[in-house]
């Protein structure tokens, strides 16, 4: 089972620099793990939560190359780049690739710790969102094909009578399917349903986007 407590992964080819960052992190009550190269980190990283503190200039893979490698494999672990060779292109590339920040050496411990806290928080929020999406996708998967048809029509703003005409079924059938959709998705209003759909990738079978006004949504019930 993957540890849910955050770890700060420190990648630097200078031992004293790794030890210094790890010592700071541990005094704050957070686990730290040191790696002497980007290649070693990539080989050993197992998806644990936390954030990454990486030096820009290292033998072999540099900090930005490690950041690129993580993105290529779909890993969104927050990255903090530290460097004694700060130049505008380095900073721009790091931030464009999603780095929490780039800190110039020598930096203040407080600045590094604040960046680490931000990275850990970002990672926690992202993982919670991914978990929420997974749970909603499981609920959506429980809908039958006919219930998915009704879901698509609901989020496109169609009233029950129009749905019945489009699907060539009775109004009572639409009402029953609609009720099952709301029950299976654990929502009470159209506003909640649309919000759920908007937050979940590929949640409707035809890619329909909701077009109901906010005031109208708030007045719709199951």
N, C-alpha and C. Protein backbone atom coordinates (compact mmCIF):
# COMPACT_ATOMS: atom_id res chain seq x y z
N UNK A 1 0.85 -1.19 0.00
CA UNK A 1 0.00 0.00 0.00
C UNK A 1 0.89 1.25 0.00
N UNK A 2 0.60 2.23 -0.86
CA UNK A 2 1.39 3.44 -0.97
C UNK A 2 1.18 4.32 0.26
N UNK A 3 2.28 4.84 0.82
CA UNK A 3 2.21 5.73 1.98
C UNK A 3 1.47 7.00 1.58
N UNK A 4 0.50 7.41 2.40
CA UNK A 4 -0.26 8.62 2.09
C UNK A 4 0.35 9.87 2.72
N UNK A 5 1.34 9.71 3.60
CA UNK A 5 2.02 10.86 4.18
C UNK A 5 2.99 11.44 3.16
N UNK A 6 3.11 12.78 3.10
CA UNK A 6 3.99 13.38 2.08
C UNK A 6 5.46 13.15 2.36
N UNK A 7 6.22 13.07 1.30
CA UNK A 7 7.68 12.98 1.38
C UNK A 7 8.27 14.06 0.49
N UNK A 8 9.30 14.71 0.98
CA UNK A 8 10.04 15.67 0.15
C UNK A 8 11.23 14.94 -0.45
N UNK A 9 11.22 14.82 -1.76
CA UNK A 9 12.29 14.13 -2.48
C UNK A 9 13.34 15.18 -2.89
N UNK A 10 14.57 14.96 -2.48
CA UNK A 10 15.64 15.93 -2.71
C UNK A 10 16.64 15.33 -3.69
N UNK A 11 16.82 16.00 -4.82
CA UNK A 11 17.73 15.50 -5.85
C UNK A 11 18.82 16.53 -6.07
N UNK A 12 20.05 16.15 -5.73
CA UNK A 12 21.21 17.05 -5.87
C UNK A 12 22.45 16.17 -5.90
N UNK A 13 23.39 16.50 -6.76
CA UNK A 13 24.59 15.67 -6.85
C UNK A 13 25.65 16.07 -5.83
N UNK A 14 25.36 17.08 -5.00
CA UNK A 14 26.28 17.46 -3.92
C UNK A 14 25.70 16.96 -2.59
N UNK A 15 26.46 16.10 -1.92
CA UNK A 15 25.95 15.44 -0.72
C UNK A 15 25.57 16.43 0.37
N UNK A 16 26.42 17.43 0.61
CA UNK A 16 26.13 18.37 1.69
C UNK A 16 24.85 19.16 1.41
N UNK A 17 24.59 19.44 0.13
CA UNK A 17 23.37 20.17 -0.23
C UNK A 17 22.15 19.30 0.02
N UNK A 18 22.24 18.02 -0.36
CA UNK A 18 21.13 17.10 -0.09
C UNK A 18 20.86 17.00 1.40
N UNK A 19 21.93 16.82 2.16
CA UNK A 19 21.79 16.65 3.60
C UNK A 19 21.19 17.89 4.25
N UNK A 20 21.57 19.05 3.77
CA UNK A 20 21.07 20.29 4.34
C UNK A 20 19.56 20.43 4.15
N UNK A 21 19.10 20.15 2.94
CA UNK A 21 17.66 20.25 2.67
C UNK A 21 16.90 19.19 3.45
N UNK A 22 17.39 17.99 3.47
CA UNK A 22 16.72 16.90 4.20
C UNK A 22 16.62 17.23 5.69
N UNK A 23 17.69 17.81 6.25
CA UNK A 23 17.68 18.16 7.67
C UNK A 23 16.61 19.20 7.96
N UNK A 24 16.50 20.21 7.09
CA UNK A 24 15.47 21.23 7.26
C UNK A 24 14.09 20.62 7.23
N UNK A 25 13.85 19.76 6.25
CA UNK A 25 12.54 19.14 6.09
C UNK A 25 12.17 18.31 7.32
N UNK A 26 13.12 17.54 7.79
CA UNK A 26 12.84 16.66 8.93
C UNK A 26 12.59 17.43 10.22
N UNK A 27 13.23 18.59 10.37
CA UNK A 27 12.94 19.40 11.56
C UNK A 27 11.51 19.91 11.54
N UNK A 28 10.90 19.94 10.37
CA UNK A 28 9.51 20.39 10.25
C UNK A 28 8.52 19.22 10.36
N UNK A 29 9.05 18.03 10.66
CA UNK A 29 8.17 16.89 10.86
C UNK A 29 7.71 16.20 9.60
N UNK A 30 8.42 16.41 8.50
CA UNK A 30 8.05 15.81 7.21
C UNK A 30 9.17 14.87 6.77
N UNK A 31 8.80 13.76 6.18
CA UNK A 31 9.79 12.80 5.70
C UNK A 31 10.58 13.37 4.52
N UNK A 32 11.84 13.01 4.44
CA UNK A 32 12.69 13.45 3.33
C UNK A 32 13.45 12.26 2.79
N UNK A 33 13.69 12.29 1.47
CA UNK A 33 14.41 11.20 0.82
C UNK A 33 15.37 11.80 -0.19
N UNK A 34 16.65 11.44 -0.09
CA UNK A 34 17.68 12.04 -0.92
C UNK A 34 18.06 11.14 -2.09
N UNK A 35 18.35 11.78 -3.23
CA UNK A 35 18.83 11.07 -4.42
C UNK A 35 19.97 11.88 -5.02
N UNK A 36 20.99 11.18 -5.51
CA UNK A 36 22.17 11.88 -6.01
C UNK A 36 22.06 12.27 -7.48
N UNK A 37 21.01 11.80 -8.17
CA UNK A 37 20.84 12.16 -9.58
C UNK A 37 19.39 12.03 -9.99
N UNK A 38 19.06 12.71 -11.07
CA UNK A 38 17.71 12.61 -11.60
C UNK A 38 17.41 11.20 -12.08
N UNK A 39 18.40 10.55 -12.65
CA UNK A 39 18.21 9.19 -13.14
C UNK A 39 17.86 8.24 -11.99
N UNK A 40 18.56 8.40 -10.87
CA UNK A 40 18.29 7.54 -9.71
C UNK A 40 16.89 7.78 -9.18
N UNK A 41 16.50 9.05 -9.11
CA UNK A 41 15.16 9.36 -8.63
C UNK A 41 14.10 8.72 -9.52
N UNK A 42 14.25 8.84 -10.84
CA UNK A 42 13.27 8.27 -11.76
C UNK A 42 13.17 6.76 -11.60
N UNK A 43 14.31 6.11 -11.36
CA UNK A 43 14.31 4.65 -11.20
C UNK A 43 13.59 4.22 -9.93
N UNK A 44 13.64 5.04 -8.89
CA UNK A 44 13.15 4.62 -7.58
C UNK A 44 11.80 5.22 -7.19
N UNK A 45 11.39 6.27 -7.86
CA UNK A 45 10.15 6.92 -7.43
C UNK A 45 8.95 6.02 -7.71
N UNK A 46 8.11 5.87 -6.69
CA UNK A 46 7.00 4.92 -6.78
C UNK A 46 5.61 5.57 -6.68
N UNK A 47 5.55 6.86 -6.94
CA UNK A 47 4.25 7.53 -6.96
C UNK A 47 3.80 8.11 -5.64
N UNK A 48 4.65 8.08 -4.62
CA UNK A 48 4.25 8.61 -3.32
C UNK A 48 3.96 10.11 -3.38
N UNK A 49 3.09 10.58 -2.50
CA UNK A 49 2.76 12.01 -2.50
C UNK A 49 3.88 12.85 -1.89
N UNK A 50 3.84 14.15 -2.17
CA UNK A 50 4.82 15.07 -1.62
C UNK A 50 5.24 16.10 -2.63
N UNK A 51 6.51 16.41 -2.69
CA UNK A 51 7.04 17.32 -3.70
C UNK A 51 8.52 17.04 -3.91
N UNK A 52 9.07 17.66 -4.94
CA UNK A 52 10.45 17.40 -5.34
C UNK A 52 11.25 18.70 -5.27
N UNK A 53 12.39 18.65 -4.59
CA UNK A 53 13.34 19.77 -4.58
C UNK A 53 14.55 19.31 -5.39
N UNK A 54 14.83 20.01 -6.48
CA UNK A 54 15.90 19.55 -7.38
C UNK A 54 16.82 20.70 -7.75
N UNK A 55 18.11 20.40 -7.74
CA UNK A 55 19.10 21.39 -8.18
C UNK A 55 19.10 21.45 -9.70
N UNK A 56 19.31 22.66 -10.23
CA UNK A 56 19.30 22.79 -11.69
C UNK A 56 20.53 22.15 -12.32
N UNK A 57 21.72 22.50 -11.82
CA UNK A 57 22.96 22.04 -12.47
C UNK A 57 23.48 20.81 -11.74
N UNK A 58 23.43 19.66 -12.43
CA UNK A 58 23.93 18.40 -11.89
C UNK A 58 24.65 17.64 -12.99
N UNK A 59 25.50 16.72 -12.60
CA UNK A 59 26.10 15.82 -13.58
C UNK A 59 24.98 14.94 -14.16
N UNK A 60 25.03 14.70 -15.45
CA UNK A 60 23.97 13.92 -16.08
C UNK A 60 22.74 14.79 -16.30
N UNK A 61 21.57 14.27 -15.98
CA UNK A 61 20.31 14.98 -16.17
C UNK A 61 20.23 16.20 -15.24
N UNK A 62 19.96 17.39 -15.81
CA UNK A 62 19.82 18.55 -14.95
C UNK A 62 18.38 18.67 -14.43
N UNK A 63 18.15 19.66 -13.60
CA UNK A 63 16.85 19.78 -12.94
C UNK A 63 15.69 19.95 -13.89
N UNK A 64 15.87 20.77 -14.94
CA UNK A 64 14.78 20.98 -15.90
C UNK A 64 14.54 19.75 -16.75
N UNK A 65 15.61 19.02 -17.05
CA UNK A 65 15.45 17.76 -17.81
C UNK A 65 14.69 16.74 -16.97
N UNK A 66 14.94 16.71 -15.67
CA UNK A 66 14.17 15.82 -14.80
C UNK A 66 12.71 16.24 -14.77
N UNK A 67 12.46 17.52 -14.69
CA UNK A 67 11.09 18.03 -14.73
C UNK A 67 10.40 17.60 -16.02
N UNK A 68 11.08 17.75 -17.14
CA UNK A 68 10.53 17.32 -18.43
C UNK A 68 10.24 15.82 -18.44
N UNK A 69 11.17 15.03 -17.91
CA UNK A 69 11.00 13.57 -17.90
C UNK A 69 9.77 13.18 -17.08
N UNK A 70 9.54 13.85 -15.96
CA UNK A 70 8.36 13.55 -15.14
C UNK A 70 7.08 13.86 -15.91
N UNK A 71 7.07 14.98 -16.59
CA UNK A 71 5.88 15.35 -17.36
C UNK A 71 5.60 14.35 -18.47
N UNK A 72 6.66 13.85 -19.10
CA UNK A 72 6.48 12.90 -20.20
C UNK A 72 5.85 11.59 -19.73
N UNK A 73 6.10 11.20 -18.48
CA UNK A 73 5.52 9.95 -17.98
C UNK A 73 4.22 10.21 -17.21
N UNK A 74 3.73 11.46 -17.29
CA UNK A 74 2.46 11.76 -16.66
C UNK A 74 2.53 11.95 -15.17
N UNK A 75 3.71 12.24 -14.65
CA UNK A 75 3.87 12.45 -13.20
C UNK A 75 3.82 13.95 -12.93
N UNK A 76 2.90 14.35 -12.06
CA UNK A 76 2.70 15.77 -11.77
C UNK A 76 3.13 16.14 -10.36
N UNK A 77 4.14 15.47 -9.85
CA UNK A 77 4.69 15.80 -8.55
C UNK A 77 5.20 17.25 -8.58
N UNK A 78 4.77 18.10 -7.67
CA UNK A 78 5.23 19.50 -7.68
C UNK A 78 6.75 19.59 -7.56
N UNK A 79 7.33 20.50 -8.33
CA UNK A 79 8.78 20.62 -8.41
C UNK A 79 9.23 22.01 -7.95
N UNK A 80 10.24 22.03 -7.11
CA UNK A 80 10.91 23.27 -6.70
C UNK A 80 12.34 23.19 -7.22
N UNK A 81 12.72 24.13 -8.07
CA UNK A 81 14.06 24.13 -8.65
C UNK A 81 14.92 25.12 -7.87
N UNK A 82 16.11 24.68 -7.48
CA UNK A 82 17.07 25.57 -6.82
C UNK A 82 18.32 25.65 -7.69
N UNK A 83 18.93 26.83 -7.73
CA UNK A 83 20.09 26.98 -8.60
C UNK A 83 20.95 28.17 -8.18
N UNK A 84 22.25 28.01 -8.40
CA UNK A 84 23.18 29.12 -8.20
C UNK A 84 23.47 29.81 -9.53
N UNK A 85 22.80 29.37 -10.57
CA UNK A 85 23.06 29.89 -11.92
C UNK A 85 21.76 30.40 -12.55
N UNK A 86 21.00 31.14 -11.80
CA UNK A 86 19.69 31.60 -12.28
C UNK A 86 19.85 32.54 -13.47
N UNK A 87 19.14 32.22 -14.52
CA UNK A 87 19.03 33.09 -15.68
C UNK A 87 17.58 33.09 -16.10
N UNK A 88 17.17 34.14 -16.77
CA UNK A 88 15.75 34.28 -17.14
C UNK A 88 15.23 33.07 -17.92
N UNK A 89 15.92 32.55 -18.93
CA UNK A 89 15.37 31.40 -19.67
C UNK A 89 15.14 30.18 -18.78
N UNK A 90 16.03 29.96 -17.81
CA UNK A 90 15.86 28.82 -16.89
C UNK A 90 14.60 29.01 -16.06
N UNK A 91 14.44 30.21 -15.52
CA UNK A 91 13.26 30.49 -14.70
C UNK A 91 11.98 30.34 -15.51
N UNK A 92 11.98 30.89 -16.71
CA UNK A 92 10.79 30.83 -17.56
C UNK A 92 10.42 29.38 -17.88
N UNK A 93 11.42 28.58 -18.27
CA UNK A 93 11.13 27.18 -18.61
C UNK A 93 10.61 26.41 -17.42
N UNK A 94 11.21 26.63 -16.25
CA UNK A 94 10.78 25.91 -15.05
C UNK A 94 9.33 26.25 -14.72
N UNK A 95 8.98 27.52 -14.75
CA UNK A 95 7.62 27.94 -14.41
C UNK A 95 6.63 27.48 -15.47
N UNK A 96 7.01 27.58 -16.75
CA UNK A 96 6.12 27.10 -17.82
C UNK A 96 5.83 25.62 -17.68
N UNK A 97 6.78 24.86 -17.18
CA UNK A 97 6.59 23.43 -16.98
C UNK A 97 5.86 23.10 -15.68
N UNK A 98 5.45 24.14 -14.95
CA UNK A 98 4.63 23.91 -13.77
C UNK A 98 5.37 23.91 -12.44
N UNK A 99 6.62 24.37 -12.41
CA UNK A 99 7.36 24.39 -11.15
C UNK A 99 6.65 25.29 -10.14
N UNK A 100 6.72 24.90 -8.88
CA UNK A 100 6.17 25.74 -7.81
C UNK A 100 6.89 27.07 -7.79
N UNK A 101 8.21 27.01 -7.85
CA UNK A 101 9.04 28.22 -7.91
C UNK A 101 10.46 27.82 -8.26
N UNK A 102 11.30 28.82 -8.52
CA UNK A 102 12.73 28.62 -8.70
C UNK A 102 13.42 29.51 -7.68
N UNK A 103 14.25 28.92 -6.83
CA UNK A 103 14.94 29.67 -5.79
C UNK A 103 16.42 29.80 -6.13
N UNK A 104 16.92 31.03 -5.97
CA UNK A 104 18.34 31.28 -6.19
C UNK A 104 19.13 30.89 -4.95
N UNK A 105 20.26 30.22 -5.18
CA UNK A 105 21.19 29.95 -4.08
C UNK A 105 22.10 31.16 -3.87
N UNK A 106 22.39 31.53 -2.65
CA UNK A 106 21.88 30.94 -1.40
C UNK A 106 20.48 31.49 -1.10
N UNK A 107 19.60 30.62 -0.65
CA UNK A 107 18.24 31.03 -0.32
C UNK A 107 18.04 30.95 1.20
N UNK A 108 16.99 31.59 1.65
CA UNK A 108 16.64 31.53 3.06
C UNK A 108 15.87 30.23 3.32
N UNK A 109 16.14 29.61 4.47
CA UNK A 109 15.42 28.38 4.82
C UNK A 109 13.91 28.61 4.83
N UNK A 110 13.49 29.77 5.30
CA UNK A 110 12.05 30.06 5.35
C UNK A 110 11.44 30.06 3.95
N UNK A 111 12.18 30.58 2.98
CA UNK A 111 11.66 30.62 1.60
C UNK A 111 11.53 29.21 1.04
N UNK A 112 12.53 28.37 1.31
CA UNK A 112 12.46 26.99 0.83
C UNK A 112 11.31 26.25 1.51
N UNK A 113 11.18 26.42 2.81
CA UNK A 113 10.13 25.71 3.52
C UNK A 113 8.75 26.16 3.05
N UNK A 114 8.57 27.47 2.79
CA UNK A 114 7.29 27.94 2.28
C UNK A 114 6.99 27.34 0.91
N UNK A 115 8.00 27.23 0.06
CA UNK A 115 7.81 26.60 -1.26
C UNK A 115 7.44 25.13 -1.11
N UNK A 116 8.09 24.45 -0.17
CA UNK A 116 7.79 23.03 0.07
C UNK A 116 6.35 22.87 0.56
N UNK A 117 5.94 23.71 1.50
CA UNK A 117 4.55 23.65 1.98
C UNK A 117 3.56 23.86 0.84
N UNK A 118 3.87 24.81 -0.02
CA UNK A 118 2.99 25.06 -1.17
C UNK A 118 2.94 23.83 -2.07
N UNK A 119 4.09 23.23 -2.35
CA UNK A 119 4.14 22.05 -3.20
C UNK A 119 3.36 20.89 -2.62
N UNK A 120 3.52 20.63 -1.33
CA UNK A 120 2.80 19.53 -0.68
C UNK A 120 1.30 19.77 -0.74
N UNK A 121 0.88 21.02 -0.52
CA UNK A 121 -0.55 21.35 -0.59
C UNK A 121 -1.09 21.15 -1.99
N UNK A 122 -0.35 21.60 -3.00
CA UNK A 122 -0.77 21.41 -4.39
C UNK A 122 -0.94 19.94 -4.73
N UNK A 123 0.01 19.13 -4.27
CA UNK A 123 -0.04 17.70 -4.57
C UNK A 123 -1.24 17.05 -3.88
N UNK A 124 -1.49 17.44 -2.65
CA UNK A 124 -2.64 16.89 -1.92
C UNK A 124 -3.95 17.25 -2.61
N UNK A 125 -4.08 18.49 -3.04
CA UNK A 125 -5.31 18.93 -3.70
C UNK A 125 -5.50 18.21 -5.03
N UNK A 126 -4.41 18.03 -5.77
CA UNK A 126 -4.52 17.33 -7.06
C UNK A 126 -4.95 15.88 -6.86
N UNK A 127 -4.37 15.22 -5.88
CA UNK A 127 -4.71 13.82 -5.63
C UNK A 127 -6.15 13.67 -5.16
N UNK A 128 -6.62 14.61 -4.34
CA UNK A 128 -8.02 14.57 -3.90
C UNK A 128 -8.96 14.75 -5.09
N UNK A 129 -8.60 15.66 -5.99
CA UNK A 129 -9.43 15.88 -7.18
C UNK A 129 -9.46 14.64 -8.06
N UNK A 130 -8.30 14.01 -8.24
CA UNK A 130 -8.25 12.79 -9.04
C UNK A 130 -9.08 11.68 -8.41
N UNK A 131 -9.03 11.58 -7.08
CA UNK A 131 -9.83 10.57 -6.39
C UNK A 131 -11.32 10.84 -6.57
N UNK A 132 -11.69 12.12 -6.48
CA UNK A 132 -13.10 12.50 -6.67
C UNK A 132 -13.57 12.14 -8.07
N UNK A 133 -12.73 12.42 -9.07
CA UNK A 133 -13.09 12.10 -10.46
C UNK A 133 -13.25 10.60 -10.64
N UNK A 134 -12.35 9.83 -10.05
CA UNK A 134 -12.43 8.38 -10.15
C UNK A 134 -13.74 7.86 -9.55
N UNK A 135 -14.12 8.41 -8.40
CA UNK A 135 -15.36 7.99 -7.75
C UNK A 135 -16.59 8.35 -8.60
N UNK A 136 -16.58 9.54 -9.19
CA UNK A 136 -17.71 9.96 -10.03
C UNK A 136 -17.77 9.10 -11.29
N UNK A 137 -16.61 8.80 -11.87
CA UNK A 137 -16.60 7.96 -13.07
C UNK A 137 -17.16 6.58 -12.78
N UNK A 138 -16.92 6.08 -11.56
CA UNK A 138 -17.49 4.78 -11.18
C UNK A 138 -19.01 4.87 -11.10
N UNK A 139 -19.53 5.98 -10.58
CA UNK A 139 -20.98 6.16 -10.53
C UNK A 139 -21.57 6.28 -11.93
N UNK A 140 -20.86 7.01 -12.80
CA UNK A 140 -21.34 7.15 -14.18
C UNK A 140 -21.34 5.80 -14.90
N UNK A 141 -20.36 4.97 -14.60
CA UNK A 141 -20.29 3.66 -15.23
C UNK A 141 -21.45 2.77 -14.83
N UNK A 142 -22.08 3.09 -13.69
CA UNK A 142 -23.22 2.29 -13.23
C UNK A 142 -24.50 2.63 -13.97
N UNK A 143 -24.50 3.72 -14.76
CA UNK A 143 -25.69 4.07 -15.53
C UNK A 143 -25.85 3.14 -16.72
N UNK A 144 -27.08 2.80 -17.02
CA UNK A 144 -27.35 2.02 -18.23
C UNK A 144 -27.25 2.93 -19.46
N UNK A 145 -27.24 2.33 -20.65
CA UNK A 145 -27.17 3.12 -21.88
C UNK A 145 -28.35 4.08 -21.97
N UNK A 146 -29.52 3.63 -21.59
CA UNK A 146 -30.71 4.48 -21.67
C UNK A 146 -30.65 5.62 -20.65
N UNK A 147 -30.06 5.33 -19.50
CA UNK A 147 -29.89 6.38 -18.49
C UNK A 147 -28.85 7.41 -18.94
N UNK A 148 -27.83 6.94 -19.66
CA UNK A 148 -26.85 7.86 -20.21
C UNK A 148 -27.49 8.79 -21.24
N UNK A 149 -28.42 8.25 -22.03
CA UNK A 149 -29.14 9.10 -22.99
C UNK A 149 -29.86 10.23 -22.28
N UNK A 150 -30.51 9.90 -21.19
CA UNK A 150 -31.24 10.91 -20.43
C UNK A 150 -30.26 11.90 -19.80
N UNK A 151 -29.14 11.42 -19.29
CA UNK A 151 -28.13 12.30 -18.72
C UNK A 151 -27.66 13.33 -19.75
N UNK A 152 -27.36 12.87 -20.96
CA UNK A 152 -26.91 13.78 -22.01
C UNK A 152 -27.95 14.85 -22.30
N UNK A 153 -29.21 14.47 -22.32
CA UNK A 153 -30.27 15.42 -22.62
C UNK A 153 -30.49 16.39 -21.46
N UNK A 154 -30.33 15.91 -20.24
CA UNK A 154 -30.47 16.80 -19.08
C UNK A 154 -29.41 17.90 -19.14
N UNK A 155 -28.15 17.51 -19.36
CA UNK A 155 -27.08 18.51 -19.33
C UNK A 155 -27.12 19.43 -20.55
N UNK A 156 -27.85 19.04 -21.60
CA UNK A 156 -28.01 19.93 -22.76
C UNK A 156 -29.24 20.83 -22.60
N UNK A 157 -29.93 20.70 -21.45
CA UNK A 157 -31.01 21.62 -21.13
C UNK A 157 -32.38 21.22 -21.63
N UNK A 158 -32.58 19.97 -22.04
CA UNK A 158 -33.86 19.54 -22.58
C UNK A 158 -34.86 19.24 -21.45
N UNK A 159 -36.09 19.74 -21.55
CA UNK A 159 -37.13 19.39 -20.58
C UNK A 159 -37.62 17.96 -20.80
N UNK A 160 -38.34 17.44 -19.81
CA UNK A 160 -38.78 16.04 -19.86
C UNK A 160 -39.61 15.73 -21.09
N UNK A 161 -40.53 16.61 -21.46
CA UNK A 161 -41.40 16.34 -22.61
C UNK A 161 -40.59 16.26 -23.89
N UNK A 162 -39.59 17.12 -24.02
CA UNK A 162 -38.74 17.06 -25.22
C UNK A 162 -37.93 15.77 -25.24
N UNK A 163 -37.43 15.35 -24.07
CA UNK A 163 -36.70 14.09 -24.00
C UNK A 163 -37.58 12.93 -24.43
N UNK A 164 -38.82 12.92 -23.95
CA UNK A 164 -39.75 11.84 -24.30
C UNK A 164 -39.97 11.78 -25.80
N UNK A 165 -40.11 12.96 -26.42
CA UNK A 165 -40.32 13.00 -27.87
C UNK A 165 -39.08 12.54 -28.63
N UNK A 166 -37.91 13.01 -28.20
CA UNK A 166 -36.67 12.66 -28.88
C UNK A 166 -36.36 11.17 -28.78
N UNK A 167 -36.66 10.58 -27.63
CA UNK A 167 -36.34 9.17 -27.40
C UNK A 167 -37.51 8.25 -27.72
N UNK A 168 -38.65 8.86 -28.09
CA UNK A 168 -39.84 8.10 -28.47
C UNK A 168 -40.30 7.16 -27.35
N UNK A 169 -40.38 7.73 -26.14
CA UNK A 169 -40.86 6.97 -24.98
C UNK A 169 -41.86 7.85 -24.24
N UNK A 170 -42.53 7.27 -23.26
CA UNK A 170 -43.52 8.02 -22.51
C UNK A 170 -42.86 8.97 -21.52
N UNK A 171 -43.63 9.98 -21.10
CA UNK A 171 -43.13 10.93 -20.11
C UNK A 171 -42.81 10.21 -18.79
N UNK A 172 -43.62 9.23 -18.41
CA UNK A 172 -43.37 8.48 -17.20
C UNK A 172 -42.04 7.72 -17.27
N UNK A 173 -41.73 7.18 -18.44
CA UNK A 173 -40.45 6.49 -18.62
C UNK A 173 -39.28 7.44 -18.42
N UNK A 174 -39.40 8.65 -18.99
CA UNK A 174 -38.35 9.65 -18.81
C UNK A 174 -38.20 10.01 -17.35
N UNK A 175 -39.31 10.20 -16.67
CA UNK A 175 -39.26 10.56 -15.25
C UNK A 175 -38.58 9.47 -14.43
N UNK A 176 -38.87 8.22 -14.75
CA UNK A 176 -38.25 7.11 -14.02
C UNK A 176 -36.75 7.02 -14.28
N UNK A 177 -36.36 7.18 -15.56
CA UNK A 177 -34.94 7.13 -15.89
C UNK A 177 -34.20 8.30 -15.26
N UNK A 178 -34.82 9.46 -15.31
CA UNK A 178 -34.23 10.66 -14.72
C UNK A 178 -34.01 10.46 -13.23
N UNK A 179 -34.98 9.88 -12.56
CA UNK A 179 -34.86 9.64 -11.12
C UNK A 179 -33.71 8.69 -10.82
N UNK A 180 -33.57 7.66 -11.65
CA UNK A 180 -32.48 6.71 -11.44
C UNK A 180 -31.12 7.38 -11.66
N UNK A 181 -31.04 8.27 -12.64
CA UNK A 181 -29.80 9.00 -12.90
C UNK A 181 -29.40 9.81 -11.66
N UNK A 182 -30.36 10.55 -11.12
CA UNK A 182 -30.08 11.37 -9.95
C UNK A 182 -29.69 10.51 -8.75
N UNK A 183 -30.38 9.39 -8.57
CA UNK A 183 -30.07 8.51 -7.45
C UNK A 183 -28.69 7.89 -7.58
N UNK A 184 -28.36 7.40 -8.77
CA UNK A 184 -27.07 6.75 -8.96
C UNK A 184 -25.91 7.73 -8.86
N UNK A 185 -26.15 8.99 -9.24
CA UNK A 185 -25.08 9.99 -9.16
C UNK A 185 -25.08 10.74 -7.84
N UNK A 186 -26.05 10.42 -6.97
CA UNK A 186 -26.12 11.01 -5.62
C UNK A 186 -26.22 12.53 -5.66
N UNK A 187 -27.11 13.03 -6.52
CA UNK A 187 -27.37 14.47 -6.59
C UNK A 187 -28.86 14.71 -6.44
N UNK A 188 -29.24 15.94 -6.08
CA UNK A 188 -30.64 16.28 -5.85
C UNK A 188 -31.19 17.28 -6.85
N UNK A 189 -30.32 18.07 -7.48
CA UNK A 189 -30.78 19.11 -8.38
C UNK A 189 -30.01 19.05 -9.70
N UNK A 190 -30.58 19.71 -10.71
CA UNK A 190 -29.89 19.80 -12.00
C UNK A 190 -28.58 20.56 -11.84
N UNK A 191 -28.57 21.58 -10.99
CA UNK A 191 -27.34 22.34 -10.77
C UNK A 191 -26.22 21.44 -10.26
N UNK A 192 -26.55 20.56 -9.31
CA UNK A 192 -25.54 19.63 -8.78
C UNK A 192 -25.10 18.66 -9.86
N UNK A 193 -26.06 18.20 -10.65
CA UNK A 193 -25.74 17.24 -11.72
C UNK A 193 -24.80 17.86 -12.74
N UNK A 194 -25.10 19.08 -13.18
CA UNK A 194 -24.28 19.75 -14.18
C UNK A 194 -22.88 20.03 -13.62
N UNK A 195 -22.82 20.45 -12.37
CA UNK A 195 -21.51 20.69 -11.75
C UNK A 195 -20.68 19.41 -11.74
N UNK A 196 -21.33 18.29 -11.42
CA UNK A 196 -20.65 17.00 -11.41
C UNK A 196 -20.11 16.66 -12.79
N UNK A 197 -20.93 16.89 -13.80
CA UNK A 197 -20.54 16.57 -15.18
C UNK A 197 -19.38 17.45 -15.62
N UNK A 198 -19.44 18.75 -15.30
CA UNK A 198 -18.40 19.67 -15.74
C UNK A 198 -17.05 19.33 -15.11
N UNK A 199 -17.07 18.75 -13.92
CA UNK A 199 -15.83 18.43 -13.22
C UNK A 199 -15.27 17.07 -13.59
N UNK A 200 -15.99 16.34 -14.42
CA UNK A 200 -15.60 14.97 -14.73
C UNK A 200 -15.35 14.81 -16.22
N UNK A 201 -14.11 14.52 -16.63
CA UNK A 201 -13.80 14.34 -18.05
C UNK A 201 -14.62 13.21 -18.67
N UNK A 202 -15.09 13.42 -19.92
CA UNK A 202 -15.81 12.38 -20.67
C UNK A 202 -17.01 11.84 -19.92
N UNK A 203 -17.73 12.72 -19.22
CA UNK A 203 -18.83 12.25 -18.39
C UNK A 203 -20.12 12.04 -19.16
N UNK A 204 -20.23 12.61 -20.35
CA UNK A 204 -21.41 12.36 -21.17
C UNK A 204 -21.00 11.65 -22.43
N UNK A 205 -21.91 10.88 -22.99
CA UNK A 205 -21.56 10.02 -24.11
C UNK A 205 -21.34 10.79 -25.41
N UNK A 206 -21.90 11.99 -25.50
CA UNK A 206 -21.76 12.72 -26.76
C UNK A 206 -21.02 14.03 -26.61
N UNK A 207 -20.43 14.26 -25.43
CA UNK A 207 -19.66 15.47 -25.23
C UNK A 207 -20.51 16.71 -25.09
N UNK A 208 -21.81 16.57 -24.86
CA UNK A 208 -22.70 17.71 -24.73
C UNK A 208 -22.31 18.58 -23.56
N UNK A 209 -22.32 19.88 -23.75
CA UNK A 209 -22.04 20.80 -22.67
C UNK A 209 -23.33 21.43 -22.18
N UNK A 210 -23.47 21.62 -20.87
CA UNK A 210 -24.67 22.22 -20.32
C UNK A 210 -24.88 23.62 -20.87
N UNK A 211 -26.13 24.00 -21.13
CA UNK A 211 -26.39 25.35 -21.60
C UNK A 211 -27.52 26.02 -20.83
N UNK A 212 -27.81 25.51 -19.61
CA UNK A 212 -28.83 26.14 -18.81
C UNK A 212 -28.26 27.33 -18.07
N UNK A 213 -29.05 28.38 -17.93
CA UNK A 213 -28.65 29.53 -17.15
C UNK A 213 -28.55 29.15 -15.69
N UNK A 214 -27.73 29.89 -14.95
CA UNK A 214 -27.52 29.57 -13.54
C UNK A 214 -28.82 29.66 -12.76
N UNK A 215 -29.62 30.72 -13.01
CA UNK A 215 -30.88 30.87 -12.28
C UNK A 215 -31.82 29.72 -12.56
N UNK A 216 -31.83 29.27 -13.82
CA UNK A 216 -32.72 28.17 -14.19
C UNK A 216 -32.26 26.88 -13.51
N UNK A 217 -30.94 26.68 -13.48
CA UNK A 217 -30.41 25.47 -12.85
C UNK A 217 -30.79 25.38 -11.39
N UNK A 218 -30.71 26.52 -10.70
CA UNK A 218 -30.97 26.49 -9.27
C UNK A 218 -32.41 26.18 -8.95
N UNK A 219 -33.30 26.36 -9.93
CA UNK A 219 -34.74 26.11 -9.70
C UNK A 219 -35.17 24.72 -10.11
N UNK A 220 -34.30 23.96 -10.83
CA UNK A 220 -34.66 22.64 -11.30
C UNK A 220 -34.46 21.61 -10.19
N UNK A 221 -35.39 20.73 -10.05
CA UNK A 221 -35.30 19.62 -9.11
C UNK A 221 -35.43 18.32 -9.89
N UNK A 222 -35.25 17.20 -9.19
CA UNK A 222 -35.38 15.92 -9.86
C UNK A 222 -36.82 15.68 -10.24
